[in-house]
Amino acid sequence: MRILVTGGAGYIGSHTVKHLLEHGHDVTVLDNLAVGHRAAVPAGRLVVADLQDIARVDQVFVEKRVEAVVHFAAHAAVNESVTDPAKYYRNNLINGIHLLDCVRRHGVTRFVFSSTCATYGTPEVVPITEETPQLPINPYGQTKLAFEKVLADYAAAYPLGFAALRYFNASGATPDGTLGEDHTPETHLIPLVIQVALGQRPHISVFGTDYPTPDGTCVRDYVHVDDLASAHRLALEKIEPGTGMHFNVGMGRGYSVREVIRTVEQVTGKAIKVVEAPRRAGDPPSLVANADKARRDLGWSATYTDLADVVRTAWDWHRRHPQGYRTG
């Protein structure tokens, strides 16, 4: 297929682009490079543009004869969404609708959406299934859920088929060392702890030690980014026009913040200094996936099933790229 990947210069997007190319698809990346990296995209695949530039996006659809879209482009920091919700509604929802209208104009019928477990809010039961009530507790989750609802309405009214992948904490890097995680500022736990191991920051802050979890710190499901990439391809190949699918994509096992820190210590052989801090707004105690539906309907399952293996790929990449993609 000729696939347009929005946000394909970002962390999960770039890994998905690599995976799609390896499986024979023709991929064009559209990214404004606000947070993405030119170096993460293969030569000749990148179009630098913003979804707000509707005329340019239309032009890309025509020039590249786009047949399917994988949509990653979004703001994704929970904390920032609480302090600046307008930024999140403009980009994650309004710009997403601009893209969907472009999809309609050009007769594209396959659409995969990068959604999130943040749409579930604070679930009463863990692991989380797709039937768990979606009750987001922060604007980031609200914008992702709102776009899921837009997709459902579009699929009911127009010849569009979609899959919304509600994935959990993306982690790790490609084992071949070509792609990894590089955010400015970094907000994800595993790379932050690795930065302490590399001597790039003095300590790791643990936000909240009084959650109703076994050790009092937040529990998350750390799914490897290459496993996420394969889920997008499998969903894309399964979509039928006029239908919608929703899948949780996670390892199916949760690890606490303290467990992550201990695992990084074990993998790196470095002691990690910890500073306890108050809870952050918008952080649920525990988010762990039940991915049975993806296994049943897509034939997908996580190949990385142990946190140490995930951390090892991240550690290898960050050691080789201590300044991210600027290191080469």
Protein backbone atom coordinates (compact mmCIF):
# COMPACT_ATOMS: atom_id res chain seq x y z
CA MET A 1 0.00 0.00 0.00
CA ARG A 2 0.95 3.64 -0.45
CA ILE A 3 0.78 4.87 3.13
CA LEU A 4 0.96 8.37 4.58
CA VAL A 5 2.34 8.41 8.14
CA THR A 6 1.69 11.68 9.97
CA GLY A 7 4.14 12.34 12.78
CA GLY A 8 6.42 9.73 11.24
CA ALA A 9 9.58 11.53 12.38
CA GLY A 10 8.60 11.02 16.01
CA TYR A 11 9.41 8.16 18.33
CA ILE A 12 6.68 5.61 17.63
CA GLY A 13 6.03 6.94 14.14
CA SER A 14 9.61 6.44 12.96
CA HIS A 15 9.72 2.87 14.25
CA THR A 16 6.44 2.17 12.47
CA VAL A 17 7.76 3.66 9.22
CA LYS A 18 10.79 1.37 9.40
CA HIS A 19 8.54 -1.64 10.02
CA LEU A 20 6.16 -0.77 7.16
CA LEU A 21 9.05 -0.34 4.72
CA GLU A 22 10.52 -3.68 5.79
CA HIS A 23 7.17 -5.28 4.94
CA GLY A 24 7.04 -3.89 1.42
CA HIS A 25 4.81 -0.84 1.82
CA ASP A 26 5.50 2.50 0.11
CA VAL A 27 5.64 5.10 2.90
CA THR A 28 5.54 8.90 2.89
CA VAL A 29 6.11 10.74 6.17
CA LEU A 30 4.41 14.05 6.88
CA ASP A 31 5.86 15.83 9.91
CA ASN A 32 6.37 19.47 10.93
CA LEU A 33 9.52 18.49 12.87
CA ALA A 34 8.34 20.40 15.94
CA VAL A 35 9.30 17.37 18.03
CA GLY A 36 10.29 14.84 15.36
CA HIS A 37 13.73 14.26 13.90
CA ARG A 38 14.73 14.44 10.25
CA ALA A 39 17.44 11.86 10.96
CA ALA A 40 14.79 9.33 12.04
CA VAL A 41 13.23 9.23 8.55
CA PRO A 42 14.82 7.42 5.58
CA ALA A 43 16.06 9.69 2.79
CA GLY A 44 13.42 10.75 0.30
CA ARG A 45 10.48 9.83 2.53
CA LEU A 46 9.91 13.07 4.46
CA VAL A 47 7.54 15.92 3.61
CA VAL A 48 7.94 18.78 6.09
CA ALA A 49 4.46 20.22 6.57
CA ASP A 50 1.87 20.92 9.23
CA LEU A 51 -1.65 19.51 9.30
CA GLN A 52 -2.91 23.09 9.55
CA ASP A 53 -1.64 23.64 6.00
CA ILE A 54 -4.61 21.97 4.36
CA ALA A 55 -3.58 22.87 0.80
CA ARG A 56 -0.15 21.28 1.27
CA VAL A 57 -1.64 18.14 2.82
CA ASP A 58 -4.07 17.86 -0.11
CA GLN A 59 -1.11 18.18 -2.48
CA VAL A 60 0.71 15.32 -0.74
CA PHE A 61 -2.32 13.06 -1.12
CA VAL A 62 -2.40 13.77 -4.83
CA GLU A 63 1.33 13.55 -5.50
CA LYS A 64 1.87 10.38 -3.46
CA ARG A 65 -1.46 8.75 -4.48
CA VAL A 66 -2.10 7.90 -0.83
CA GLU A 67 -4.16 4.76 -0.16
CA ALA A 68 -4.00 4.61 3.63
CA VAL A 69 -3.10 6.81 6.60
CA VAL A 70 -1.42 6.05 9.91
CA HIS A 71 -1.95 9.07 12.16
CA PHE A 72 0.56 9.74 14.95
CA ALA A 73 0.87 13.52 14.82
CA ALA A 74 -0.20 14.79 18.25
CA HIS A 75 0.93 16.38 21.47
CA ALA A 76 1.35 13.68 24.09
CA ALA A 77 2.53 15.01 27.48
CA VAL A 78 -0.12 14.46 30.15
CA ASN A 79 1.24 17.13 32.48
CA GLU A 80 1.40 19.76 29.74
CA SER A 81 -2.14 18.95 28.65
CA VAL A 82 -3.34 19.89 32.16
CA THR A 83 -1.58 23.27 32.10
CA ASP A 84 -2.24 24.09 28.41
CA PRO A 85 -5.36 22.23 27.24
CA ALA A 86 -5.97 24.63 24.33
CA LYS A 87 -2.75 23.45 22.66
CA TYR A 88 -3.97 19.84 22.89
CA TYR A 89 -7.49 20.41 21.59
CA ARG A 90 -6.18 22.43 18.64
CA ASN A 91 -3.59 19.89 17.57
CA ASN A 92 -4.99 16.53 18.65
CA LEU A 93 -8.61 17.16 17.72
CA ILE A 94 -9.01 20.06 15.29
CA ASN A 95 -5.97 19.21 13.17
CA GLY A 96 -7.05 15.57 13.22
CA ILE A 97 -10.41 16.55 11.76
CA HIS A 98 -8.63 18.54 9.02
CA LEU A 99 -6.76 15.34 8.17
CA LEU A 100 -9.93 13.23 8.14
CA ASP A 101 -11.63 15.66 5.78
CA CYS A 102 -8.61 15.41 3.49
CA VAL A 103 -8.89 11.61 3.67
CA ARG A 104 -12.53 11.88 2.57
CA ARG A 105 -11.74 14.22 -0.32
CA HIS A 106 -9.21 11.81 -1.74
CA GLY A 107 -11.20 8.60 -1.30
CA VAL A 108 -8.87 7.00 1.25
CA THR A 109 -10.68 4.24 3.15
CA ARG A 110 -8.05 2.91 5.60
CA PHE A 111 -7.05 4.90 8.68
CA VAL A 112 -5.08 3.79 11.75
CA PHE A 113 -5.16 6.11 14.74
CA SER A 114 -2.56 6.34 17.47
CA SER A 115 -4.81 6.41 20.54
CA THR A 116 -3.90 5.78 24.16
CA CYS A 117 -4.75 4.00 27.38
CA ALA A 118 -5.17 7.51 28.85
CA THR A 119 -8.73 7.38 27.47
CA TYR A 120 -9.59 4.97 30.30
CA GLY A 121 -8.71 7.41 33.07
CA THR A 122 -8.49 5.64 36.43
CA PRO A 123 -9.92 2.17 35.77
CA GLU A 124 -11.63 0.27 38.58
CA VAL A 125 -10.33 -3.06 37.29
CA VAL A 126 -6.85 -3.87 35.96
CA PRO A 127 -5.85 -5.31 33.46
CA ILE A 128 -7.89 -3.07 31.17
CA THR A 129 -10.04 -4.49 28.38
CA GLU A 130 -11.52 -2.57 25.44
CA GLU A 131 -14.87 -2.67 27.27
CA THR A 132 -13.48 -0.80 30.28
CA PRO A 133 -15.34 2.54 30.58
CA GLN A 134 -13.44 5.40 28.97
CA LEU A 135 -13.36 8.19 31.53
CA PRO A 136 -10.23 10.29 30.90
CA ILE A 137 -8.88 12.35 33.78
CA ASN A 138 -6.69 14.74 31.77
CA PRO A 139 -7.06 16.80 28.58
CA TYR A 140 -4.63 14.57 26.67
CA GLY A 141 -6.89 11.56 27.21
CA GLN A 142 -9.98 13.67 26.48
CA THR A 143 -8.63 14.77 23.09
CA LYS A 144 -7.73 11.22 22.10
CA LEU A 145 -11.16 9.92 23.12
CA ALA A 146 -12.88 12.78 21.30
CA PHE A 147 -11.04 11.87 18.10
CA GLU A 148 -11.99 8.20 18.53
CA LYS A 149 -15.63 9.35 18.60
CA VAL A 150 -15.13 11.47 15.48
CA LEU A 151 -13.67 8.44 13.72
CA ALA A 152 -16.66 6.30 14.69
CA ASP A 153 -19.08 8.91 13.35
CA TYR A 154 -17.14 9.30 10.09
CA ALA A 155 -16.99 5.53 9.58
CA ALA A 156 -20.77 5.31 10.10
CA ALA A 157 -21.48 8.07 7.56
CA TYR A 158 -18.69 7.74 4.98
CA PRO A 159 -16.74 4.92 3.26
CA LEU A 160 -13.97 4.99 5.87
CA GLY A 161 -12.61 2.11 7.92
CA PHE A 162 -10.45 2.70 10.96
CA ALA A 163 -8.54 1.08 13.77
CA ALA A 164 -7.81 2.95 17.00
CA LEU A 165 -4.86 1.46 18.88
CA ARG A 166 -4.98 2.28 22.57
CA TYR A 167 -1.45 1.61 23.53
CA PHE A 168 0.28 1.76 26.81
CA ASN A 169 3.77 3.10 27.66
CA ALA A 170 5.90 2.94 24.52
CA SER A 171 9.45 1.95 25.42
CA GLY A 172 12.75 0.69 24.06
CA ALA A 173 14.56 1.13 20.75
CA THR A 174 15.34 -0.88 17.63
CA PRO A 175 17.86 -3.63 18.40
CA ASP A 176 19.94 -2.61 15.38
CA GLY A 177 20.60 0.77 17.00
CA THR A 178 19.22 2.88 14.17
CA LEU A 179 16.20 4.36 15.98
CA GLY A 180 15.49 5.32 19.57
CA GLU A 181 13.73 7.74 21.90
CA ASP A 182 14.74 11.40 21.76
CA HIS A 183 12.39 13.99 23.26
CA THR A 184 13.11 17.58 24.30
CA PRO A 185 12.27 17.82 27.10
CA GLU A 186 12.24 14.14 27.95
CA THR A 187 9.19 13.09 29.96
CA HIS A 188 9.22 9.28 29.75
CA LEU A 189 10.46 7.31 32.71
CA ILE A 190 12.87 4.80 31.17
CA PRO A 191 14.97 7.35 29.20
CA LEU A 192 14.95 9.69 32.21
CA VAL A 193 16.38 6.98 34.44
CA ILE A 194 18.91 6.10 31.74
CA GLN A 195 19.98 9.76 31.66
CA VAL A 196 20.80 9.45 35.37
CA ALA A 197 22.83 6.31 34.61
CA LEU A 198 24.73 8.26 31.93
CA GLY A 199 25.44 11.13 34.34
CA GLN A 200 23.28 13.54 32.35
CA ARG A 201 20.98 14.36 35.27
CA PRO A 202 21.66 14.13 39.02
CA HIS A 203 18.67 12.04 40.06
CA ILE A 204 15.28 10.66 39.09
CA SER A 205 12.18 12.14 40.68
CA VAL A 206 9.52 9.68 41.82
CA PHE A 207 6.20 11.51 41.68
CA GLY A 208 4.00 10.02 44.37
CA THR A 209 4.81 7.20 46.77
CA ASP A 210 1.36 6.76 48.31
CA TYR A 211 -0.61 5.26 45.42
CA PRO A 212 -2.73 2.14 46.09
CA THR A 213 -0.10 -0.10 44.45
CA PRO A 214 2.22 -2.74 45.95
CA ASP A 215 5.09 -0.28 46.55
CA GLY A 216 3.15 2.99 46.50
CA THR A 217 4.41 4.14 43.08
CA CYS A 218 2.54 4.22 39.76
CA VAL A 219 2.34 0.98 37.78
CA ARG A 220 2.53 1.01 33.98
CA ASP A 221 2.65 -1.46 31.09
CA TYR A 222 5.87 -0.84 29.13
CA VAL A 223 5.29 -2.14 25.60
CA HIS A 224 8.26 -2.22 23.23
CA VAL A 225 8.05 0.30 20.40
CA ASP A 226 8.77 -2.36 17.75
CA ASP A 227 5.80 -4.36 19.02
CA LEU A 228 3.66 -1.24 18.66
CA ALA A 229 4.92 -0.83 15.10
CA SER A 230 3.84 -4.33 14.13
CA ALA A 231 0.38 -3.74 15.63
CA HIS A 232 -0.12 -0.75 13.34
CA ARG A 233 0.76 -2.77 10.25
CA LEU A 234 -1.50 -5.68 11.21
CA ALA A 235 -4.40 -3.32 11.94
CA LEU A 236 -3.89 -1.48 8.65
CA GLU A 237 -4.02 -4.70 6.66
CA LYS A 238 -7.19 -5.81 8.49
CA ILE A 239 -9.32 -2.67 8.05
CA GLU A 240 -12.47 -2.77 5.93
CA PRO A 241 -14.34 0.35 4.75
CA GLY A 242 -17.23 1.47 6.93
CA THR A 243 -16.05 -0.38 10.02
CA GLY A 244 -14.19 0.58 13.18
CA MET A 245 -11.92 -1.45 15.43
CA HIS A 246 -10.41 -0.68 18.83
CA PHE A 247 -7.47 -2.53 20.35
CA ASN A 248 -5.41 -2.34 23.50
CA VAL A 249 -1.74 -2.81 22.69
CA GLY A 250 0.47 -3.63 25.66
CA MET A 251 2.80 -6.18 27.16
CA GLY A 252 0.08 -7.32 29.55
CA ARG A 253 2.25 -6.92 32.63
CA GLY A 254 2.72 -3.90 34.86
CA TYR A 255 5.86 -2.54 36.49
CA SER A 256 6.03 0.13 39.19
CA VAL A 257 8.26 3.19 39.00
CA ARG A 258 10.55 1.65 41.60
CA GLU A 259 10.73 -1.60 39.60
CA VAL A 260 11.71 0.35 36.49
CA ILE A 261 14.49 2.09 38.40
CA ARG A 262 15.79 -1.22 39.78
CA THR A 263 15.69 -2.75 36.30
CA VAL A 264 17.72 0.11 34.83
CA GLU A 265 20.24 -0.34 37.64
CA GLN A 266 20.52 -4.05 36.85
CA VAL A 267 20.88 -3.54 33.09
CA THR A 268 23.34 -0.64 33.28
CA GLY A 269 25.26 -1.60 36.41
CA LYS A 270 24.84 2.00 37.62
CA ALA A 271 23.36 3.20 40.92
CA ILE A 272 20.41 5.55 40.43
CA LYS A 273 19.78 8.37 42.91
CA VAL A 274 16.08 8.76 43.71
CA VAL A 275 14.30 11.87 45.00
CA GLU A 276 10.71 11.48 46.14
CA ALA A 277 8.28 14.19 45.03
CA PRO A 278 4.53 14.88 45.30
CA ARG A 279 2.06 13.31 42.89
CA ARG A 280 1.58 14.91 39.49
CA ALA A 281 -1.87 15.96 38.31
CA GLY A 282 -3.54 13.49 35.95
CA ASP A 283 -1.57 10.32 36.84
CA PRO A 284 -3.70 7.19 37.43
CA PRO A 285 -2.27 4.65 39.89
CA SER A 286 -2.18 1.66 37.52
CA LEU A 287 -2.54 1.13 33.76
CA VAL A 288 -1.98 -2.40 32.46
CA ALA A 289 -3.32 -3.85 29.21
CA ASN A 290 -5.40 -6.87 28.51
CA ALA A 291 -4.42 -7.40 24.86
CA ASP A 292 -6.45 -10.57 24.22
CA LYS A 293 -8.56 -8.88 21.54
CA ALA A 294 -5.49 -7.87 19.51
CA ARG A 295 -4.19 -11.43 19.78
CA ARG A 296 -7.51 -12.87 18.66
CA ASP A 297 -8.44 -10.42 15.88
CA LEU A 298 -5.07 -9.24 14.59
CA GLY A 299 -2.80 -12.13 15.41
CA TRP A 300 -0.66 -9.67 17.38
CA SER A 301 1.18 -10.30 20.62
CA ALA A 302 4.10 -8.65 22.35
CA THR A 303 7.44 -10.24 21.54
CA TYR A 304 9.14 -8.34 24.36
CA THR A 305 7.61 -9.75 27.55
CA ASP A 306 10.22 -8.81 30.14
CA LEU A 307 11.10 -5.26 31.16
CA ALA A 308 14.84 -5.97 31.29
CA ASP A 309 14.83 -6.83 27.57
CA VAL A 310 12.99 -3.59 26.78
CA VAL A 311 15.37 -1.52 28.90
CA ARG A 312 18.40 -3.20 27.34
CA THR A 313 17.46 -1.96 23.85
CA ALA A 314 16.91 1.55 25.20
CA TRP A 315 20.22 1.50 27.09
CA ASP A 316 22.13 0.35 24.00
CA TRP A 317 20.67 3.18 21.92
CA HIS A 318 21.23 5.92 24.52
CA ARG A 319 24.83 4.82 25.11
CA ARG A 320 25.52 5.14 21.39
CA HIS A 321 23.50 8.36 21.09
CA PRO A 322 24.05 10.28 24.35
CA GLN A 323 22.80 13.47 22.68
CA GLY A 324 20.02 11.73 20.79
CA TYR A 325 19.95 12.04 17.01
CA ARG A 326 22.46 14.91 17.24
CA THR A 327 25.07 12.25 18.14
CA GLY A 328 24.71 10.54 14.77
